[in-house]
Amino acid sequence: MKSLFIDTSSFFMSIAIVEDDNILFLYQKEIKNDMASKIMPIIRDGFEQVKFDIHELDKIFVINGPGSFTGVRVGVTVAKTLAWSLKIDVIPISSLAFLATTPVNTKYVQPVIDARRGYVYTGTYESNLNIINNDTYMLLSDIDMDDITIVSHDSIEGAIKPRLDILKIINKYKNNEPINAHLLKPNYLKKTEAEEKLESKGND
């Protein structure tokens, strides 16, 4: 199976081209702005390096949130467009599940993404990526700290930095039911600030 993996949900972009259990191309770099103009050249360069045509792809895996509203939209839009044009399967994956691929020494891993004002996006996973607590939007202070390791790209007290494992996340989700490319949507876990302000005005 030849697959493309896309994650633009944070400032740390991950793009990989994978064949079976081999990563043929890997791009992981901090990009704090203008992902939209950079992602397609990176993907194109990747296929040129591995020397096979993008039409040989069997499947696309994409991180569809939560995370940066703009970043998530970039990755989802690219995955949606490619999957539709190539007529191949697309499988959405949680950004928190991807963070949870980080190896830890505790029973549970708690991926955390800063959502500002004391709130975070988070969930609880076992080391094999089985979900203990579903992804949610909550106060950081409400996280149960018993027997967990917090993993985050952000400056969260007590958190360790991610060591992301693309093969682990693909192997976990490769047999998931794919979705129609037209139905692929970002999973923000909360409304955007613009939506919240609009809703607030409507309730005044």
Protein backbone atom coordinates (compact mmCIF):
# COMPACT_ATOMS: atom_id res chain seq x y z
CA MET A 1 0.00 0.00 0.00
CA LYS A 2 1.27 3.42 -0.95
CA SER A 3 -0.05 6.27 1.15
CA LEU A 4 0.35 9.97 1.79
CA PHE A 5 0.24 11.34 5.33
CA ILE A 6 -0.57 15.01 5.97
CA ASP A 7 -0.51 16.96 9.23
CA THR A 8 -0.73 20.76 9.22
CA SER A 9 -2.76 21.07 12.42
CA SER A 10 -0.01 22.91 14.30
CA PHE A 11 3.08 24.99 13.47
CA PHE A 12 4.93 21.66 13.10
CA MET A 13 4.14 20.29 9.64
CA SER A 14 4.47 16.57 8.92
CA ILE A 15 4.28 15.20 5.37
CA ALA A 16 5.19 11.59 4.61
CA ILE A 17 5.02 9.20 1.68
CA VAL A 18 4.81 5.62 2.92
CA GLU A 19 4.92 2.26 1.17
CA ASP A 20 3.78 -0.60 3.41
CA ASP A 21 5.95 -0.21 6.54
CA ASN A 22 8.59 2.00 4.97
CA ILE A 23 8.72 5.78 5.09
CA LEU A 24 10.07 6.76 1.67
CA PHE A 25 9.83 10.52 2.18
CA LEU A 26 9.51 12.50 5.39
CA TYR A 27 9.20 16.24 5.90
CA GLN A 28 8.85 17.42 9.50
CA LYS A 29 9.57 21.06 10.13
CA GLU A 30 8.35 24.03 12.11
CA ILE A 31 6.38 26.34 9.81
CA LYS A 32 4.69 29.21 11.61
CA ASN A 33 3.05 30.88 8.63
CA ASP A 34 1.96 30.48 5.01
CA MET A 35 1.50 26.70 5.06
CA ALA A 36 -1.01 27.01 2.24
CA SER A 37 1.63 28.09 -0.27
CA LYS A 38 4.25 25.59 0.91
CA ILE A 39 2.40 22.30 1.25
CA MET A 40 1.90 21.39 -2.41
CA PRO A 41 5.53 22.08 -3.43
CA ILE A 42 6.64 19.89 -0.51
CA ILE A 43 4.34 17.06 -1.61
CA ARG A 44 5.46 17.45 -5.24
CA ASP A 45 9.14 17.35 -4.22
CA GLY A 46 8.44 14.24 -2.16
CA PHE A 47 7.03 12.32 -5.10
CA GLU A 48 9.92 13.43 -7.26
CA GLN A 49 12.38 12.12 -4.67
CA VAL A 50 10.73 8.71 -4.28
CA LYS A 51 10.35 8.43 -8.04
CA PHE A 52 6.78 7.32 -8.30
CA ASP A 53 3.72 9.03 -9.66
CA ILE A 54 1.11 10.48 -7.35
CA HIS A 55 -1.47 8.42 -9.26
CA GLU A 56 0.05 5.31 -7.68
CA LEU A 57 -1.29 6.36 -4.28
CA ASP A 58 -3.79 4.02 -2.64
CA LYS A 59 -4.79 6.08 0.38
CA ILE A 60 -4.43 9.45 2.09
CA PHE A 61 -4.27 9.91 5.85
CA VAL A 62 -4.91 13.43 7.11
CA ILE A 63 -4.94 15.02 10.54
CA ASN A 64 -8.26 16.86 10.63
CA GLY A 65 -8.00 18.53 14.02
CA PRO A 66 -8.25 19.83 16.57
CA GLY A 67 -5.57 22.48 16.37
CA SER A 68 -4.87 25.65 14.45
CA PHE A 69 -8.07 26.59 12.60
CA THR A 70 -6.09 27.80 9.57
CA GLY A 71 -3.62 24.92 9.64
CA VAL A 72 -6.31 22.25 9.89
CA ARG A 73 -8.16 23.77 6.94
CA VAL A 74 -5.00 23.69 4.81
CA GLY A 75 -4.37 19.98 5.37
CA VAL A 76 -8.01 18.97 5.00
CA THR A 77 -8.43 20.98 1.79
CA VAL A 78 -5.33 19.43 0.20
CA ALA A 79 -6.30 15.89 1.27
CA LYS A 80 -9.86 16.39 0.08
CA THR A 81 -8.78 17.73 -3.30
CA LEU A 82 -6.21 15.00 -3.92
CA ALA A 83 -8.49 12.17 -2.77
CA TRP A 84 -11.31 13.40 -4.99
CA SER A 85 -9.14 13.95 -8.07
CA LEU A 86 -7.30 10.62 -7.67
CA LYS A 87 -10.50 8.76 -6.66
CA ILE A 88 -8.81 7.17 -3.64
CA ASP A 89 -9.69 6.65 0.01
CA VAL A 90 -9.09 9.30 2.65
CA ILE A 91 -8.94 8.57 6.38
CA PRO A 92 -9.14 11.41 8.93
CA ILE A 93 -7.11 11.09 12.13
CA SER A 94 -7.21 13.13 15.33
CA SER A 95 -4.23 15.40 15.98
CA LEU A 96 -4.39 14.24 19.60
CA ALA A 97 -4.08 10.59 18.55
CA PHE A 98 -1.00 11.53 16.53
CA LEU A 99 0.55 13.26 19.54
CA ALA A 100 -0.24 10.12 21.56
CA THR A 101 2.19 8.09 19.43
CA THR A 102 4.94 9.61 21.60
CA PRO A 103 6.49 6.86 23.77
CA VAL A 104 5.97 7.40 27.51
CA ASN A 105 6.70 5.52 30.74
CA THR A 106 3.25 5.92 32.26
CA LYS A 107 0.08 3.88 31.75
CA TYR A 108 -1.62 6.67 29.87
CA VAL A 109 -0.56 9.46 27.53
CA GLN A 110 -2.40 12.79 27.60
CA PRO A 111 -1.90 14.79 24.40
CA VAL A 112 -2.62 18.48 24.94
CA ILE A 113 -3.06 21.38 22.52
CA ASP A 114 -3.29 24.89 23.94
CA ALA A 115 -6.68 26.44 23.11
CA ARG A 116 -5.96 29.67 25.04
CA ARG A 117 -7.56 31.27 28.10
CA GLY A 118 -6.73 28.22 30.22
CA TYR A 119 -8.52 25.80 27.88
CA VAL A 120 -6.99 22.93 25.94
CA TYR A 121 -7.90 20.24 23.47
CA THR A 122 -7.06 16.92 25.03
CA GLY A 123 -7.87 13.24 25.33
CA THR A 124 -6.48 10.21 27.15
CA TYR A 125 -4.87 7.31 25.28
CA GLU A 126 -3.15 4.06 26.06
CA SER A 127 0.27 3.38 24.53
CA ASN A 128 -1.40 1.30 21.79
CA LEU A 129 -3.56 4.37 20.96
CA ASN A 130 -6.77 2.91 22.36
CA ILE A 131 -8.91 5.78 23.60
CA ILE A 132 -9.61 6.06 27.32
CA ASN A 133 -11.18 9.52 27.32
CA ASN A 134 -12.52 10.96 24.07
CA ASP A 135 -11.00 14.11 22.61
CA THR A 136 -12.57 17.18 24.17
CA TYR A 137 -12.26 20.91 24.85
CA MET A 138 -11.76 21.57 28.55
CA LEU A 139 -9.90 23.52 31.20
CA LEU A 140 -6.28 22.45 31.58
CA SER A 141 -6.73 22.55 35.36
CA ASP A 142 -9.44 19.86 35.14
CA ILE A 143 -7.14 17.19 33.72
CA ASP A 144 -6.74 14.22 36.07
CA MET A 145 -2.99 13.98 36.54
CA ASP A 146 -2.91 10.42 37.89
CA ASP A 147 -0.56 8.07 36.02
CA ILE A 148 -0.37 10.13 32.83
CA THR A 149 2.30 11.86 30.79
CA ILE A 150 1.29 15.09 29.09
CA VAL A 151 2.59 15.50 25.55
CA SER A 152 2.41 18.85 23.79
CA HIS A 153 4.06 21.06 21.19
CA ASP A 154 2.99 24.00 23.36
CA SER A 155 4.48 25.38 26.56
CA ILE A 156 2.38 23.36 29.00
CA GLU A 157 3.78 22.91 32.50
CA GLY A 158 5.04 19.36 33.01
CA ALA A 159 4.59 18.38 29.36
CA ILE A 160 7.16 16.54 27.30
CA LYS A 161 7.79 17.34 23.65
CA PRO A 162 6.28 14.95 21.07
CA ARG A 163 8.25 12.23 19.33
CA LEU A 164 5.78 11.50 16.58
CA ASP A 165 5.54 8.04 15.03
CA ILE A 166 3.92 8.16 11.59
CA LEU A 167 4.10 4.41 10.98
CA LYS A 168 2.40 3.74 14.31
CA ILE A 169 -0.51 6.07 13.55
CA ILE A 170 -0.94 4.71 10.01
CA ASN A 171 -0.88 1.09 11.20
CA LYS A 172 -3.49 1.94 13.83
CA TYR A 173 -5.91 3.54 11.37
CA LYS A 174 -5.14 1.87 8.02
CA ASN A 175 -8.11 -0.50 8.29
CA ASN A 176 -10.56 2.19 9.38
CA GLU A 177 -13.54 2.80 7.14
CA PRO A 178 -12.54 5.53 4.68
CA ILE A 179 -14.85 8.46 4.08
CA ASN A 180 -16.04 10.12 0.91
CA ALA A 181 -13.68 12.97 0.08
CA HIS A 182 -16.63 15.38 -0.16
CA LEU A 183 -17.56 14.55 3.46
CA LEU A 184 -14.10 15.24 4.88
CA LYS A 185 -14.32 18.12 7.35
CA PRO A 186 -12.13 19.73 10.00
CA ASN A 187 -12.80 18.63 13.57
CA TYR A 188 -12.28 21.77 15.63
CA LEU A 189 -13.99 20.52 18.84
CA LYS A 190 -15.19 24.08 19.40
CA LYS A 191 -16.59 26.96 17.41
CA THR A 192 -14.26 29.53 15.91
CA GLU A 193 -14.02 32.91 17.66
CA ALA A 194 -15.92 34.49 14.77
CA GLU A 195 -18.75 31.97 15.18
CA GLU A 196 -18.82 32.51 18.94
CA LYS A 197 -19.01 36.31 18.51
CA LEU A 198 -21.78 35.98 15.93
CA GLU A 199 -23.73 33.65 18.20
CA SER A 200 -23.21 36.00 21.14
CA LYS A 201 -24.59 38.95 19.14
CA GLY A 202 -27.61 36.87 18.15
CA ASN A 203 -28.38 36.19 21.80
CA ASP A 204 -28.14 39.84 22.85
